[in-house]
C-alpha atoms as a PDB file:
ATOM      1  CA  MET A   1      -6.718  57.539 -46.799  1.00  0.00           C
ATOM      2  CA  LYS A   2      -8.080  60.548 -46.336  1.00  0.00           C
ATOM      3  CA  PRO A   3     -10.198  61.076 -42.907  1.00  0.00           C
ATOM      4  CA  THR A   4     -13.840  61.113 -42.131  1.00  0.00           C
ATOM      5  CA  GLY A   5     -15.359  64.126 -41.137  1.00  0.00           C
ATOM      6  CA  THR A   6     -12.737  66.349 -42.217  1.00  0.00           C
ATOM      7  CA  ASP A   7     -13.279  70.195 -42.254  1.00  0.00           C
ATOM      8  CA  PRO A   8     -15.243  71.600 -44.590  1.00  0.00           C
ATOM      9  CA  ARG A   9     -12.742  74.533 -45.070  1.00  0.00           C
ATOM     10  CA  ILE A  10      -9.905  72.497 -45.090  1.00  0.00           C
ATOM     11  CA  LEU A  11     -11.592  70.693 -48.056  1.00  0.00           C
ATOM     12  CA  SER A  12     -12.188  74.043 -49.482  1.00  0.00           C
ATOM     13  CA  ILE A  13      -8.449  74.780 -49.547  1.00  0.00           C
ATOM     14  CA  ALA A  14      -7.212  71.818 -50.321  1.00  0.00           C
ATOM     15  CA  ALA A  15      -9.291  71.815 -53.721  1.00  0.00           C
ATOM     16  CA  GLU A  16      -8.509  75.466 -54.059  1.00  0.00           C
ATOM     17  CA  VAL A  17      -4.881  74.673 -53.947  1.00  0.00           C
ATOM     18  CA  ALA A  18      -5.480  71.327 -56.287  1.00  0.00           C
ATOM     19  CA  LYS A  19      -6.874  73.653 -58.824  1.00  0.00           C
ATOM     20  CA  SER A  20      -5.120  76.803 -58.804  1.00  0.00           C
ATOM     21  CA  PRO A  21      -2.249  77.662 -60.658  1.00  0.00           C
ATOM     22  CA  GLU A  22       0.999  77.381 -58.711  1.00  0.00           C
ATOM     23  CA  GLN A  23       1.894  81.006 -57.943  1.00  0.00           C
ATOM     24  CA  ASN A  24      -1.538  81.440 -56.748  1.00  0.00           C
ATOM     25  CA  VAL A  25      -1.115  78.536 -54.271  1.00  0.00           C
ATOM     26  CA  PRO A  26       1.515  80.762 -51.295  1.00  0.00           C
ATOM     27  CA  VAL A  27      -1.370  82.876 -50.723  1.00  0.00           C
ATOM     28  CA  ILE A  28      -4.241  80.336 -50.505  1.00  0.00           C
ATOM     29  CA  LEU A  29      -2.167  78.409 -47.755  1.00  0.00           C
ATOM     30  CA  LEU A  30      -1.854  81.506 -45.749  1.00  0.00           C
ATOM     31  CA  LYS A  31      -5.661  80.398 -45.045  1.00  0.00           C
ATOM     32  CA  LEU A  32      -4.726  77.639 -43.068  1.00  0.00           C
ATOM     33  CA  LYS A  33      -3.793  80.409 -40.446  1.00  0.00           C
ATOM     34  CA  GLU A  34      -6.922  82.275 -39.217  1.00  0.00           C
ATOM     35  CA  ILE A  35      -7.865  78.044 -38.900  1.00  0.00           C
ATOM     36  CA  ILE A  36      -5.111  77.782 -37.055  1.00  0.00           C
ATOM     37  CA  ASN A  37      -5.243  80.731 -35.045  1.00  0.00           C
ATOM     38  CA  ILE A  38      -8.837  80.707 -34.374  1.00  0.00           C
ATOM     39  CA  THR A  39      -8.622  76.743 -32.909  1.00  0.00           C
ATOM     40  CA  PRO A  40      -7.857  76.931 -29.100  1.00  0.00           C
ATOM     41  CA  LEU A  41      -5.086  75.861 -28.486  1.00  0.00           C
ATOM     42  CA  GLY A  42      -4.582  72.109 -26.756  1.00  0.00           C
ATOM     43  CA  SER A  43      -8.144  71.506 -28.194  1.00  0.00           C
ATOM     44  CA  SER A  44      -9.002  68.404 -30.078  1.00  0.00           C
ATOM     45  CA  GLU A  45     -10.651  70.241 -32.605  1.00  0.00           C
ATOM     46  CA  LEU A  46      -6.840  71.403 -33.307  1.00  0.00           C
ATOM     47  CA  LYS A  47      -5.534  68.103 -33.575  1.00  0.00           C
ATOM     48  CA  LYS A  48      -7.982  66.911 -35.700  1.00  0.00           C
ATOM     49  CA  ILE A  49      -7.400  69.923 -38.291  1.00  0.00           C
ATOM     50  CA  LYS A  50      -3.634  69.473 -38.206  1.00  0.00           C
ATOM     51  CA  GLN A  51      -4.491  65.955 -38.750  1.00  0.00           C
ATOM     52  CA  ASP A  52      -6.411  66.703 -41.724  1.00  0.00           C
ATOM     53  CA  ILE A  53      -3.984  69.788 -43.491  1.00  0.00           C
ATOM     54  CA  TYR A  54      -1.806  66.511 -42.823  1.00  0.00           C
ATOM     55  CA  CYS A  55      -3.952  64.153 -44.787  1.00  0.00           C
ATOM     56  CA  TYR A  56      -4.969  66.239 -47.446  1.00  0.00           C
ATOM     57  CA  ASP A  57      -1.083  67.247 -48.448  1.00  0.00           C
ATOM     58  CA  LEU A  58      -1.149  70.785 -47.274  1.00  0.00           C
ATOM     59  CA  ILE A  59       1.623  70.709 -45.036  1.00  0.00           C
ATOM     60  CA  GLN A  60       3.980  69.350 -47.677  1.00  0.00           C
ATOM     61  CA  TYR A  61       2.375  72.231 -50.102  1.00  0.00           C
ATOM     62  CA  CYS A  62       3.820  74.817 -47.554  1.00  0.00           C
ATOM     63  CA  LEU A  63       7.148  72.691 -47.093  1.00  0.00           C
ATOM     64  CA  LEU A  64       7.853  73.153 -51.299  1.00  0.00           C
ATOM     65  CA  VAL A  65       6.750  76.505 -51.269  1.00  0.00           C
ATOM     66  CA  LEU A  66       9.192  76.883 -48.859  1.00  0.00           C
ATOM     67  CA  SER A  67      11.892  75.858 -51.057  1.00  0.00           C
ATOM     68  CA  GLN A  68      10.716  78.227 -54.452  1.00  0.00           C
ATOM     69  CA  ASP A  69      13.176  81.269 -55.141  1.00  0.00           C
ATOM     70  CA  CYS A  70      11.327  83.762 -52.643  1.00  0.00           C
ATOM     71  CA  SER A  71      11.130  86.855 -55.537  1.00  0.00           C
ATOM     72  CA  ARG A  72       9.027  84.304 -57.160  1.00  0.00           C
ATOM     73  CA  ILE A  73       6.439  84.561 -54.762  1.00  0.00           C
ATOM     74  CA  GLN A  74       3.375  86.335 -54.172  1.00  0.00           C
ATOM     75  CA  GLY A  75       3.662  88.624 -50.646  1.00  0.00           C
ATOM     76  CA  GLY A  76       7.571  87.907 -50.334  1.00  0.00           C
ATOM     77  CA  TRP A  77       9.053  87.765 -47.268  1.00  0.00           C
ATOM     78  CA  THR A  78       5.500  88.229 -45.700  1.00  0.00           C
ATOM     79  CA  THR A  79       3.910  85.483 -46.911  1.00  0.00           C
ATOM     80  CA  ILE A  80       6.793  83.031 -46.527  1.00  0.00           C
ATOM     81  CA  SER A  81       7.227  84.207 -43.026  1.00  0.00           C
ATOM     82  CA  GLN A  82       3.112  83.219 -42.223  1.00  0.00           C
ATOM     83  CA  LEU A  83       3.700  79.995 -43.545  1.00  0.00           C
ATOM     84  CA  THR A  84       6.778  78.919 -42.113  1.00  0.00           C
ATOM     85  CA  GLN A  85       4.675  79.699 -38.837  1.00  0.00           C
ATOM     86  CA  ILE A  86       2.183  77.999 -40.413  1.00  0.00           C
ATOM     87  CA  LEU A  87       4.151  74.716 -41.037  1.00  0.00           C
ATOM     88  CA  SER A  88       5.319  75.149 -37.487  1.00  0.00           C
ATOM     89  CA  HIS A  89       2.521  75.113 -35.719  1.00  0.00           C
ATOM     90  CA  CYS A  90       0.285  72.168 -37.943  1.00  0.00           C
ATOM     91  CA  CYS A  91       4.045  70.168 -37.324  1.00  0.00           C
ATOM     92  CA  VAL A  92       3.837  70.367 -33.276  1.00  0.00           C
ATOM     93  CA  GLY A  93       0.625  67.950 -32.114  1.00  0.00           C
ATOM     94  CA  LEU A  94       0.508  66.431 -35.195  1.00  0.00           C
ATOM     95  CA  GLU A  95      -0.058  62.708 -34.434  1.00  0.00           C
ATOM     96  CA  PRO A  96       0.923  61.026 -38.230  1.00  0.00           C
ATOM     97  CA  GLY A  97      -0.525  58.011 -37.916  1.00  0.00           C
ATOM     98  CA  GLU A  98       0.317  55.291 -40.473  1.00  0.00           C
ATOM     99  CA  ASP A  99       3.167  57.961 -42.383  1.00  0.00           C
ATOM    100  CA  ALA A 100       4.857  58.416 -39.093  1.00  0.00           C
ATOM    101  CA  GLU A 101       8.038  57.398 -40.333  1.00  0.00           C
ATOM    102  CA  GLU A 102       7.603  60.037 -43.643  1.00  0.00           C
ATOM    103  CA  PHE A 103       6.669  62.549 -41.238  1.00  0.00           C
ATOM    104  CA  TYR A 104       9.579  61.923 -38.578  1.00  0.00           C
ATOM    105  CA  ASN A 105      12.491  61.259 -41.451  1.00  0.00           C
ATOM    106  CA  GLU A 106      11.671  63.569 -43.848  1.00  0.00           C
ATOM    107  CA  LEU A 107       9.131  66.182 -43.729  1.00  0.00           C
ATOM    108  CA  LEU A 108      10.532  67.518 -40.107  1.00  0.00           C
ATOM    109  CA  PRO A 109      14.526  67.071 -41.046  1.00  0.00           C
ATOM    110  CA  SER A 110      13.488  69.295 -44.385  1.00  0.00           C
ATOM    111  CA  ALA A 111      10.951  71.658 -42.852  1.00  0.00           C
ATOM    112  CA  ALA A 112      14.059  72.490 -40.386  1.00  0.00           C
ATOM    113  CA  GLU A 113      16.728  72.604 -42.971  1.00  0.00           C
ATOM    114  CA  ASN A 114      14.142  74.761 -44.824  1.00  0.00           C
ATOM    115  CA  PHE A 115      14.105  77.767 -42.118  1.00  0.00           C
ATOM    116  CA  LEU A 116      17.293  77.298 -41.513  1.00  0.00           C
ATOM    117  CA  PHE A 117      18.272  78.273 -45.534  1.00  0.00           C
ATOM    118  CA  LEU A 118      15.297  81.506 -45.178  1.00  0.00           C
ATOM    119  CA  GLY A 119      17.483  82.103 -42.501  1.00  0.00           C
ATOM    120  CA  ARG A 120      20.389  82.607 -43.839  1.00  0.00           C
ATOM    121  CA  GLN A 121      18.561  84.007 -46.853  1.00  0.00           C
ATOM    122  CA  LEU A 122      17.003  86.700 -44.438  1.00  0.00           C
ATOM    123  CA  GLN A 123      20.336  87.181 -42.910  1.00  0.00           C
ATOM    124  CA  THR A 124      22.265  88.232 -46.616  1.00  0.00           C
ATOM    125  CA  CYS A 125      19.161  90.318 -47.725  1.00  0.00           C
ATOM    126  CA  PHE A 126      19.472  92.191 -44.176  1.00  0.00           C
ATOM    127  CA  ILE A 127      23.200  92.913 -44.921  1.00  0.00           C
ATOM    128  CA  ASN A 128      23.004  93.858 -47.917  1.00  0.00           C
ATOM    129  CA  ALA A 129      19.714  96.249 -47.594  1.00  0.00           C
ATOM    130  CA  ALA A 130      21.187 100.133 -47.391  1.00  0.00           C
ATOM    131  CA  LYS A 131      18.236 101.655 -45.904  1.00  0.00           C
ATOM    132  CA  ALA A 132      17.193 101.419 -41.851  1.00  0.00           C
ATOM    133  CA  GLU A 133      13.742 100.367 -42.297  1.00  0.00           C
ATOM    134  CA  GLU A 134      14.347  98.095 -44.860  1.00  0.00           C
ATOM    135  CA  LYS A 135      17.049  96.483 -42.699  1.00  0.00           C
ATOM    136  CA  ASP A 136      14.392  96.092 -39.357  1.00  0.00           C
ATOM    137  CA  GLU A 137      11.803  94.691 -41.837  1.00  0.00           C
ATOM    138  CA  LEU A 138      13.962  92.206 -42.781  1.00  0.00           C
ATOM    139  CA  LEU A 139      14.969  91.615 -39.122  1.00  0.00           C
ATOM    140  CA  HIS A 140      11.014  91.305 -38.353  1.00  0.00           C
ATOM    141  CA  PHE A 141      10.800  88.451 -40.842  1.00  0.00           C
ATOM    142  CA  PHE A 142      14.327  86.467 -39.422  1.00  0.00           C
ATOM    143  CA  GLN A 143      12.544  86.349 -35.707  1.00  0.00           C
ATOM    144  CA  ILE A 144      10.015  85.579 -37.584  1.00  0.00           C
ATOM    145  CA  VAL A 145      11.470  82.373 -38.824  1.00  0.00           C
ATOM    146  CA  THR A 146      13.835  81.712 -36.029  1.00  0.00           C
ATOM    147  CA  ASP A 147      10.765  81.823 -33.655  1.00  0.00           C
ATOM    148  CA  SER A 148       8.972  79.789 -36.318  1.00  0.00           C
ATOM    149  CA  LEU A 149      11.743  77.187 -36.088  1.00  0.00           C
ATOM    150  CA  PHE A 150      12.151  77.259 -32.585  1.00  0.00           C
ATOM    151  CA  TRP A 151       8.734  76.642 -32.086  1.00  0.00           C
ATOM    152  CA  LEU A 152       9.355  73.041 -34.431  1.00  0.00           C
ATOM    153  CA  LEU A 153      12.157  72.733 -32.086  1.00  0.00           C
ATOM    154  CA  GLY A 154      10.623  72.977 -29.223  1.00  0.00           C
ATOM    155  CA  GLY A 155       7.930  70.432 -30.022  1.00  0.00           C
ATOM    156  CA  HIS A 156      10.342  67.714 -32.019  1.00  0.00           C
ATOM    157  CA  VAL A 157      12.890  68.055 -29.910  1.00  0.00           C
ATOM    158  CA  GLU A 158      14.864  65.227 -31.568  1.00  0.00           C
ATOM    159  CA  LEU A 159      15.380  67.485 -34.925  1.00  0.00           C
ATOM    160  CA  ILE A 160      18.036  70.039 -32.610  1.00  0.00           C
ATOM    161  CA  GLN A 161      20.586  67.520 -33.365  1.00  0.00           C
ATOM    162  CA  ASN A 162      20.243  68.122 -37.079  1.00  0.00           C
ATOM    163  CA  VAL A 163      20.496  71.980 -37.057  1.00  0.00           C
ATOM    164  CA  LEU A 164      23.503  71.613 -34.809  1.00  0.00           C
ATOM    165  CA  GLN A 165      24.724  69.913 -37.745  1.00  0.00           C
ATOM    166  CA  SER A 166      23.494  71.430 -40.917  1.00  0.00           C
ATOM    167  CA  ASP A 167      25.770  74.339 -42.562  1.00  0.00           C
ATOM    168  CA  HIS A 168      23.242  76.773 -42.811  1.00  0.00           C
ATOM    169  CA  PHE A 169      23.146  77.350 -38.822  1.00  0.00           C
ATOM    170  CA  LEU A 170      26.623  77.452 -38.911  1.00  0.00           C
ATOM    171  CA  HIS A 171      27.095  79.834 -41.264  1.00  0.00           C
ATOM    172  CA  LEU A 172      24.260  81.669 -39.204  1.00  0.00           C
ATOM    173  CA  LEU A 173      26.290  81.122 -36.195  1.00  0.00           C
ATOM    174  CA  GLN A 174      30.015  83.275 -37.978  1.00  0.00           C
ATOM    175  CA  ALA A 175      27.231  86.520 -38.541  1.00  0.00           C
ATOM    176  CA  ASP A 176      29.082  89.473 -38.068  1.00  0.00           C
ATOM    177  CA  ASN A 177      26.156  91.661 -37.553  1.00  0.00           C
ATOM    178  CA  VAL A 178      24.937  92.138 -33.673  1.00  0.00           C
ATOM    179  CA  GLN A 179      21.426  91.849 -34.672  1.00  0.00           C
ATOM    180  CA  ILE A 180      21.090  88.964 -36.023  1.00  0.00           C
ATOM    181  CA  GLY A 181      23.768  86.771 -34.244  1.00  0.00           C
ATOM    182  CA  SER A 182      21.373  87.957 -31.448  1.00  0.00           C
ATOM    183  CA  ALA A 183      18.642  86.750 -32.648  1.00  0.00           C
ATOM    184  CA  VAL A 184      20.328  83.350 -33.347  1.00  0.00           C
ATOM    185  CA  MET A 185      22.337  83.283 -29.942  1.00  0.00           C
ATOM    186  CA  MET A 186      18.385  83.274 -28.619  1.00  0.00           C
ATOM    187  CA  MET A 187      17.387  80.223 -30.586  1.00  0.00           C
ATOM    188  CA  LEU A 188      20.136  78.489 -29.755  1.00  0.00           C
END
């Protein structure tokens, strides 16, 4: 059941996502970041916005985009890293209501696993990058993704077990690169 009194900005984004071709969805979802950023942290308004985003499946769309091939996403790692921020901020403090079991048992573990997979992809790109400026940019995106995971874990400590048991996390821990390794250790 869709909530009454839904924020018109969320309704507009949901309608745009529903009508748009798949390749445009990631960029449309980025509009959520501005809405979240201008709404005061901890406010009842932000809580309602998160519920609206969840009820209109926009969190699920973010999750779907994050599981796609990054090279097919308009904006590449910039878009992907911003979507991890949106997803983690929307999930922390969200009260899913009657969908709580699906949210806690499926969506959250999938989000954490996707963040780890993205981190692993960034790690590989970083190792294979030839230019220092490209490495710096990839490290920046890696830190955004790990910060998003850290934010998600801070709000849902029950996910820590999933992360520690993930093959992706173990692979990240085995990084030979000092910069990637230290970012992972900071998260740990």
